[in-house]
Amino acid sequence: MIGKFGVGLKDALATLNRHGSDILIHSQFGDITLGQMPKHGFSDVVTLHAVVHPPQHPTFVGTDVVLQRVTEGDIADAKNFFLKFSNESVLDETPHGQILRRDPSRNARIYVTGMLKCQSGCRHAGKRLGENRVRNKS
């Protein structure tokens, strides 16, 4: 896995929760669900918390994540943001990253640490990226 898994995991759990999905994580150490609770000292601010329960299967090896109210289409859409699932072909490697073969059936894409950053037409593409590169050289 590329990136900071802990931060990404918390962001993913918060996003799933915000979209009405239920999450249950099973491991030998405990079962984890999500709960919303008032922030300590700020009762009007509600925050998302991991609620740890005793494990249902204490001899289970590994981690099992159960997502409810998530469709196959939702999963396919999410996978579209990851280079790993993009089926892109690597043409060359440089010290700064990889050069990918452009799929003519879709917009050109830029990935940063394996995540889709932008595609043709986004505000970061084209001229703006070139301007940043020139500015950084001075």
N, C-alpha and C. Protein backbone atom coordinates (compact mmCIF):
# COMPACT_ATOMS: atom_id res chain seq x y z
N MET A 1 0.85 -1.17 0.00
CA MET A 1 0.00 0.00 0.00
C MET A 1 0.89 1.23 0.00
N ILE A 2 0.59 2.16 -0.86
CA ILE A 2 1.36 3.39 -0.96
C ILE A 2 0.67 4.46 -0.12
N GLY A 3 1.46 5.23 0.59
CA GLY A 3 0.88 6.35 1.33
C GLY A 3 0.90 6.13 2.82
N LYS A 4 0.19 6.98 3.50
CA LYS A 4 0.10 6.92 4.95
C LYS A 4 -1.20 6.22 5.30
N PHE A 5 -1.11 4.92 5.53
CA PHE A 5 -2.30 4.08 5.66
C PHE A 5 -3.21 4.56 6.78
N GLY A 6 -2.68 4.95 7.91
CA GLY A 6 -3.52 5.36 9.03
C GLY A 6 -4.38 6.56 8.70
N VAL A 7 -3.79 7.57 8.09
CA VAL A 7 -4.54 8.78 7.72
C VAL A 7 -5.55 8.43 6.64
N GLY A 8 -5.14 7.68 5.64
CA GLY A 8 -6.04 7.29 4.56
C GLY A 8 -7.19 6.44 5.06
N LEU A 9 -6.90 5.54 6.00
CA LEU A 9 -7.95 4.69 6.55
C LEU A 9 -8.99 5.53 7.29
N LYS A 10 -8.54 6.48 8.10
CA LYS A 10 -9.48 7.35 8.82
C LYS A 10 -10.32 8.17 7.85
N ASP A 11 -9.69 8.71 6.81
CA ASP A 11 -10.44 9.47 5.80
C ASP A 11 -11.46 8.58 5.11
N ALA A 12 -11.06 7.36 4.75
CA ALA A 12 -11.97 6.44 4.07
C ALA A 12 -13.15 6.08 4.96
N LEU A 13 -12.88 5.79 6.22
CA LEU A 13 -13.97 5.44 7.15
C LEU A 13 -14.93 6.62 7.32
N ALA A 14 -14.40 7.82 7.45
CA ALA A 14 -15.26 9.01 7.60
C ALA A 14 -16.10 9.23 6.34
N THR A 15 -15.51 9.04 5.17
CA THR A 15 -16.24 9.21 3.92
C THR A 15 -17.35 8.18 3.79
N LEU A 16 -17.03 6.91 4.07
CA LEU A 16 -18.06 5.86 4.01
C LEU A 16 -19.19 6.16 4.99
N ASN A 17 -18.85 6.59 6.20
CA ASN A 17 -19.85 6.92 7.21
C ASN A 17 -20.74 8.07 6.74
N ARG A 18 -20.11 9.09 6.18
CA ARG A 18 -20.85 10.27 5.72
C ARG A 18 -21.84 9.90 4.61
N HIS A 19 -21.51 8.87 3.82
CA HIS A 19 -22.38 8.45 2.72
C HIS A 19 -23.35 7.34 3.14
N GLY A 20 -23.47 7.09 4.45
CA GLY A 20 -24.47 6.17 4.95
C GLY A 20 -24.09 4.71 4.98
N SER A 21 -22.81 4.40 4.80
CA SER A 21 -22.36 3.01 4.85
C SER A 21 -22.06 2.62 6.29
N ASP A 22 -22.30 1.36 6.60
CA ASP A 22 -21.92 0.82 7.90
C ASP A 22 -20.63 0.03 7.72
N ILE A 23 -19.72 0.14 8.68
CA ILE A 23 -18.44 -0.52 8.61
C ILE A 23 -18.26 -1.36 9.86
N LEU A 24 -17.81 -2.59 9.68
CA LEU A 24 -17.47 -3.47 10.80
C LEU A 24 -16.13 -4.09 10.49
N ILE A 25 -15.17 -3.94 11.39
CA ILE A 25 -13.83 -4.50 11.21
C ILE A 25 -13.64 -5.58 12.27
N HIS A 26 -13.34 -6.80 11.80
CA HIS A 26 -13.10 -7.94 12.70
C HIS A 26 -11.61 -8.24 12.74
N SER A 27 -11.07 -8.48 13.91
CA SER A 27 -9.71 -9.02 14.06
C SER A 27 -9.68 -9.82 15.36
N GLN A 28 -8.59 -10.51 15.60
CA GLN A 28 -8.46 -11.28 16.84
C GLN A 28 -8.37 -10.38 18.06
N PHE A 29 -8.07 -9.11 17.84
CA PHE A 29 -7.90 -8.18 18.95
C PHE A 29 -9.19 -7.45 19.33
N GLY A 30 -10.17 -7.45 18.43
CA GLY A 30 -11.43 -6.79 18.72
C GLY A 30 -12.22 -6.53 17.47
N ASP A 31 -13.48 -6.23 17.64
CA ASP A 31 -14.34 -5.84 16.54
C ASP A 31 -14.57 -4.33 16.66
N ILE A 32 -14.47 -3.65 15.55
CA ILE A 32 -14.54 -2.19 15.57
C ILE A 32 -15.71 -1.72 14.72
N THR A 33 -16.52 -0.85 15.29
CA THR A 33 -17.58 -0.17 14.57
C THR A 33 -17.32 1.33 14.72
N LEU A 34 -18.15 2.13 14.10
CA LEU A 34 -18.01 3.58 14.23
C LEU A 34 -19.17 4.15 15.02
N GLY A 35 -18.88 5.17 15.79
CA GLY A 35 -19.91 5.85 16.56
C GLY A 35 -19.66 7.35 16.55
N GLN A 36 -20.72 8.12 16.63
CA GLN A 36 -20.60 9.57 16.70
C GLN A 36 -20.86 10.00 18.14
N MET A 37 -19.93 10.79 18.66
CA MET A 37 -20.01 11.24 20.06
C MET A 37 -19.65 12.71 20.15
N PRO A 38 -20.18 13.40 21.16
CA PRO A 38 -19.80 14.81 21.35
C PRO A 38 -18.31 14.90 21.69
N LYS A 39 -17.67 15.92 21.16
CA LYS A 39 -16.26 16.16 21.45
C LYS A 39 -16.12 16.59 22.91
N HIS A 40 -15.11 16.04 23.59
CA HIS A 40 -14.90 16.37 24.99
C HIS A 40 -14.71 17.88 25.16
N GLY A 41 -15.54 18.50 25.98
CA GLY A 41 -15.45 19.93 26.24
C GLY A 41 -16.21 20.79 25.23
N PHE A 42 -16.72 20.17 24.16
CA PHE A 42 -17.47 20.90 23.13
C PHE A 42 -18.70 20.07 22.77
N SER A 43 -19.69 20.05 23.63
CA SER A 43 -20.83 19.15 23.47
C SER A 43 -21.62 19.40 22.18
N ASP A 44 -21.44 20.58 21.56
CA ASP A 44 -22.17 20.86 20.32
C ASP A 44 -21.42 20.36 19.08
N VAL A 45 -20.19 19.84 19.26
CA VAL A 45 -19.39 19.32 18.15
C VAL A 45 -19.39 17.80 18.24
N VAL A 46 -19.91 17.15 17.19
CA VAL A 46 -19.97 15.69 17.16
C VAL A 46 -18.83 15.17 16.30
N THR A 47 -18.09 14.19 16.83
CA THR A 47 -16.96 13.62 16.10
C THR A 47 -17.15 12.12 15.94
N LEU A 48 -16.46 11.56 14.97
CA LEU A 48 -16.54 10.14 14.67
C LEU A 48 -15.47 9.40 15.47
N HIS A 49 -15.86 8.30 16.09
CA HIS A 49 -14.94 7.53 16.93
C HIS A 49 -15.00 6.06 16.55
N ALA A 50 -13.88 5.36 16.74
CA ALA A 50 -13.86 3.91 16.63
C ALA A 50 -14.38 3.36 17.95
N VAL A 51 -15.35 2.46 17.87
CA VAL A 51 -15.90 1.82 19.06
C VAL A 51 -15.41 0.38 19.04
N VAL A 52 -14.58 0.02 20.03
CA VAL A 52 -13.96 -1.30 20.06
C VAL A 52 -14.76 -2.22 20.97
N HIS A 53 -15.12 -3.38 20.41
CA HIS A 53 -15.88 -4.41 21.13
C HIS A 53 -14.99 -5.64 21.28
N PRO A 54 -15.27 -6.52 22.24
CA PRO A 54 -14.51 -7.76 22.33
C PRO A 54 -14.63 -8.54 21.02
N PRO A 55 -13.58 -9.26 20.64
CA PRO A 55 -13.61 -9.97 19.36
C PRO A 55 -14.64 -11.11 19.35
N GLN A 56 -15.38 -11.21 18.26
CA GLN A 56 -16.31 -12.33 18.10
C GLN A 56 -15.55 -13.62 17.81
N HIS A 57 -14.37 -13.48 17.18
CA HIS A 57 -13.55 -14.64 16.80
C HIS A 57 -12.11 -14.40 17.25
N PRO A 58 -11.78 -14.65 18.53
CA PRO A 58 -10.45 -14.32 19.05
C PRO A 58 -9.31 -15.13 18.44
N THR A 59 -9.59 -16.20 17.72
CA THR A 59 -8.52 -16.99 17.08
C THR A 59 -8.37 -16.64 15.60
N PHE A 60 -9.19 -15.70 15.12
CA PHE A 60 -9.14 -15.29 13.72
C PHE A 60 -7.78 -14.66 13.41
N VAL A 61 -7.18 -15.03 12.29
CA VAL A 61 -5.90 -14.45 11.88
C VAL A 61 -6.17 -13.50 10.71
N GLY A 62 -5.73 -12.27 10.86
CA GLY A 62 -5.92 -11.27 9.81
C GLY A 62 -6.97 -10.25 10.19
N THR A 63 -7.46 -9.55 9.20
CA THR A 63 -8.48 -8.52 9.39
C THR A 63 -9.55 -8.70 8.33
N ASP A 64 -10.78 -8.64 8.77
CA ASP A 64 -11.92 -8.75 7.86
C ASP A 64 -12.72 -7.46 7.96
N VAL A 65 -12.91 -6.79 6.83
CA VAL A 65 -13.66 -5.54 6.81
C VAL A 65 -14.97 -5.78 6.09
N VAL A 66 -16.07 -5.49 6.77
CA VAL A 66 -17.41 -5.68 6.21
C VAL A 66 -18.00 -4.29 5.94
N LEU A 67 -18.35 -4.06 4.67
CA LEU A 67 -18.96 -2.79 4.27
C LEU A 67 -20.42 -3.07 3.90
N GLN A 68 -21.34 -2.35 4.53
CA GLN A 68 -22.75 -2.50 4.20
C GLN A 68 -23.23 -1.22 3.53
N ARG A 69 -24.16 -1.37 2.58
CA ARG A 69 -24.68 -0.27 1.78
C ARG A 69 -23.61 0.35 0.90
N VAL A 70 -22.74 -0.52 0.35
CA VAL A 70 -21.75 -0.14 -0.65
C VAL A 70 -21.96 -1.07 -1.84
N THR A 71 -22.18 -0.50 -3.02
CA THR A 71 -22.46 -1.32 -4.20
C THR A 71 -21.18 -1.69 -4.94
N GLU A 72 -21.28 -2.66 -5.82
CA GLU A 72 -20.15 -3.01 -6.69
C GLU A 72 -19.75 -1.80 -7.53
N GLY A 73 -20.74 -1.02 -7.96
CA GLY A 73 -20.45 0.20 -8.72
C GLY A 73 -19.66 1.21 -7.91
N ASP A 74 -20.01 1.35 -6.61
CA ASP A 74 -19.26 2.25 -5.72
C ASP A 74 -17.79 1.81 -5.64
N ILE A 75 -17.59 0.52 -5.52
CA ILE A 75 -16.22 -0.02 -5.42
C ILE A 75 -15.46 0.22 -6.72
N ALA A 76 -16.10 -0.03 -7.86
CA ALA A 76 -15.46 0.20 -9.15
C ALA A 76 -15.10 1.68 -9.31
N ASP A 77 -16.01 2.58 -8.92
CA ASP A 77 -15.72 4.02 -9.00
C ASP A 77 -14.52 4.40 -8.13
N ALA A 78 -14.45 3.83 -6.94
CA ALA A 78 -13.34 4.14 -6.02
C ALA A 78 -12.02 3.61 -6.57
N LYS A 79 -12.04 2.41 -7.13
CA LYS A 79 -10.81 1.81 -7.67
C LYS A 79 -10.27 2.63 -8.84
N ASN A 80 -11.12 3.39 -9.50
CA ASN A 80 -10.72 4.21 -10.64
C ASN A 80 -9.72 5.30 -10.23
N PHE A 81 -9.64 5.61 -8.94
CA PHE A 81 -8.71 6.64 -8.46
C PHE A 81 -7.31 6.10 -8.17
N PHE A 82 -7.10 4.79 -8.27
CA PHE A 82 -5.83 4.17 -7.91
C PHE A 82 -5.08 3.68 -9.14
N LEU A 83 -3.82 4.06 -9.27
CA LEU A 83 -2.98 3.60 -10.37
C LEU A 83 -2.93 2.08 -10.41
N LYS A 84 -2.88 1.45 -9.26
CA LYS A 84 -2.77 -0.01 -9.17
C LYS A 84 -3.90 -0.72 -9.92
N PHE A 85 -5.07 -0.14 -9.95
CA PHE A 85 -6.23 -0.77 -10.59
C PHE A 85 -6.53 -0.18 -11.97
N SER A 86 -5.66 0.67 -12.49
CA SER A 86 -5.94 1.41 -13.72
C SER A 86 -5.61 0.64 -15.00
N ASN A 87 -4.83 -0.42 -14.89
CA ASN A 87 -4.35 -1.17 -16.06
C ASN A 87 -3.51 -0.31 -16.99
N GLU A 88 -2.86 0.73 -16.45
CA GLU A 88 -1.97 1.58 -17.24
C GLU A 88 -0.68 0.81 -17.52
N SER A 89 -0.09 1.00 -18.71
CA SER A 89 1.18 0.37 -19.07
C SER A 89 2.31 1.36 -18.82
N VAL A 90 3.37 0.90 -18.20
CA VAL A 90 4.53 1.75 -17.94
C VAL A 90 5.44 1.72 -19.17
N LEU A 91 5.71 2.92 -19.73
CA LEU A 91 6.62 3.04 -20.88
C LEU A 91 8.06 3.18 -20.43
N ASP A 92 8.27 3.94 -19.34
CA ASP A 92 9.63 4.21 -18.89
C ASP A 92 9.59 4.62 -17.42
N GLU A 93 10.74 4.52 -16.77
CA GLU A 93 10.90 4.95 -15.37
C GLU A 93 11.94 6.07 -15.34
N THR A 94 11.68 7.09 -14.52
CA THR A 94 12.63 8.19 -14.33
C THR A 94 12.85 8.35 -12.83
N PRO A 95 13.84 9.15 -12.42
CA PRO A 95 14.01 9.40 -10.99
C PRO A 95 12.80 10.09 -10.35
N HIS A 96 11.94 10.69 -11.18
CA HIS A 96 10.79 11.43 -10.67
C HIS A 96 9.49 10.65 -10.76
N GLY A 97 9.53 9.49 -11.37
CA GLY A 97 8.31 8.69 -11.49
C GLY A 97 8.28 7.88 -12.75
N GLN A 98 7.10 7.45 -13.13
CA GLN A 98 6.92 6.61 -14.30
C GLN A 98 6.22 7.38 -15.40
N ILE A 99 6.52 7.00 -16.63
CA ILE A 99 5.81 7.54 -17.79
C ILE A 99 4.88 6.43 -18.26
N LEU A 100 3.59 6.76 -18.31
CA LEU A 100 2.58 5.76 -18.63
C LEU A 100 2.10 5.91 -20.08
N ARG A 101 1.74 4.79 -20.68
CA ARG A 101 1.13 4.82 -22.01
C ARG A 101 -0.28 5.38 -21.85
N ARG A 102 -0.61 6.35 -22.66
CA ARG A 102 -1.94 6.98 -22.57
C ARG A 102 -2.98 6.06 -23.20
N ASP A 103 -4.04 5.84 -22.48
CA ASP A 103 -5.18 5.08 -22.99
C ASP A 103 -6.00 6.04 -23.85
N PRO A 104 -6.05 5.83 -25.17
CA PRO A 104 -6.75 6.79 -26.04
C PRO A 104 -8.26 6.88 -25.79
N SER A 105 -8.80 5.92 -25.03
CA SER A 105 -10.24 5.94 -24.79
C SER A 105 -10.64 6.84 -23.63
N ARG A 106 -9.64 7.43 -22.92
CA ARG A 106 -9.99 8.32 -21.81
C ARG A 106 -8.98 9.45 -21.73
N ASN A 107 -9.27 10.44 -20.90
CA ASN A 107 -8.39 11.59 -20.72
C ASN A 107 -7.04 11.15 -20.17
N ALA A 108 -5.99 11.94 -20.52
CA ALA A 108 -4.68 11.70 -19.92
C ALA A 108 -4.78 11.88 -18.42
N ARG A 109 -4.02 11.11 -17.66
CA ARG A 109 -4.13 11.12 -16.21
C ARG A 109 -2.77 11.34 -15.56
N ILE A 110 -2.78 12.02 -14.42
CA ILE A 110 -1.58 12.21 -13.61
C ILE A 110 -1.84 11.59 -12.25
N TYR A 111 -0.94 10.69 -11.84
CA TYR A 111 -1.04 10.04 -10.53
C TYR A 111 0.10 10.54 -9.66
N VAL A 112 -0.17 10.75 -8.38
CA VAL A 112 0.85 11.11 -7.40
C VAL A 112 0.76 10.08 -6.29
N THR A 113 1.87 9.41 -6.02
CA THR A 113 1.95 8.31 -5.05
C THR A 113 0.81 7.31 -5.24
N GLY A 114 0.52 7.00 -6.51
CA GLY A 114 -0.46 5.97 -6.81
C GLY A 114 -1.90 6.41 -6.83
N MET A 115 -2.16 7.68 -6.52
CA MET A 115 -3.54 8.19 -6.50
C MET A 115 -3.74 9.17 -7.66
N LEU A 116 -4.91 9.11 -8.29
CA LEU A 116 -5.23 10.03 -9.38
C LEU A 116 -5.24 11.46 -8.84
N LYS A 117 -4.39 12.30 -9.42
CA LYS A 117 -4.32 13.70 -9.01
C LYS A 117 -5.18 14.56 -9.92
N CYS A 118 -5.09 14.35 -11.23
CA CYS A 118 -5.94 15.07 -12.17
C CYS A 118 -5.89 14.39 -13.53
N GLN A 119 -6.79 14.79 -14.39
CA GLN A 119 -6.81 14.30 -15.76
C GLN A 119 -6.96 15.48 -16.69
N SER A 120 -6.79 15.24 -17.99
CA SER A 120 -6.87 16.33 -18.97
C SER A 120 -8.06 17.22 -18.66
N GLY A 121 -7.80 18.52 -18.67
CA GLY A 121 -8.87 19.47 -18.42
C GLY A 121 -8.94 19.97 -16.99
N CYS A 122 -8.23 19.32 -16.05
CA CYS A 122 -8.27 19.83 -14.68
C CYS A 122 -7.35 21.04 -14.55
N ARG A 123 -7.54 21.79 -13.53
CA ARG A 123 -6.79 23.05 -13.39
C ARG A 123 -5.30 22.85 -13.19
N HIS A 124 -4.87 21.62 -12.82
CA HIS A 124 -3.44 21.36 -12.62
C HIS A 124 -2.74 20.90 -13.89
N ALA A 125 -3.50 20.54 -14.90
CA ALA A 125 -2.91 19.97 -16.11
C ALA A 125 -2.31 21.06 -17.00
N GLY A 126 -1.45 20.64 -17.88
CA GLY A 126 -0.92 21.51 -18.92
C GLY A 126 -0.08 22.65 -18.43
N LYS A 127 -0.45 23.87 -18.81
CA LYS A 127 0.35 25.07 -18.59
C LYS A 127 0.67 25.30 -17.12
N ARG A 128 -0.29 25.11 -16.23
CA ARG A 128 -0.03 25.38 -14.81
C ARG A 128 1.09 24.50 -14.28
N LEU A 129 1.12 23.21 -14.66
CA LEU A 129 2.21 22.34 -14.19
C LEU A 129 3.54 22.84 -14.72
N GLY A 130 3.58 23.27 -15.99
CA GLY A 130 4.81 23.81 -16.56
C GLY A 130 5.26 25.06 -15.83
N GLU A 131 4.34 25.94 -15.47
CA GLU A 131 4.71 27.16 -14.76
C GLU A 131 5.31 26.82 -13.39
N ASN A 132 4.73 25.85 -12.69
CA ASN A 132 5.28 25.46 -11.39
C ASN A 132 6.69 24.91 -11.54
N ARG A 133 6.93 24.14 -12.59
CA ARG A 133 8.25 23.55 -12.80
C ARG A 133 9.28 24.64 -13.04
N VAL A 134 8.94 25.63 -13.87
CA VAL A 134 9.87 26.72 -14.15
C VAL A 134 10.14 27.52 -12.89
N ARG A 135 9.10 27.83 -12.14
CA ARG A 135 9.26 28.62 -10.92
C ARG A 135 10.17 27.90 -9.92
N ASN A 136 10.05 26.58 -9.81
CA ASN A 136 10.86 25.82 -8.85
C ASN A 136 12.34 25.80 -9.23
N LYS A 137 12.67 25.98 -10.50
CA LYS A 137 14.07 25.95 -10.94
C LYS A 137 14.80 27.23 -10.57
N SER A 138 14.12 28.35 -10.35
CA SER A 138 14.80 29.61 -10.10
C SER A 138 15.35 29.68 -8.70
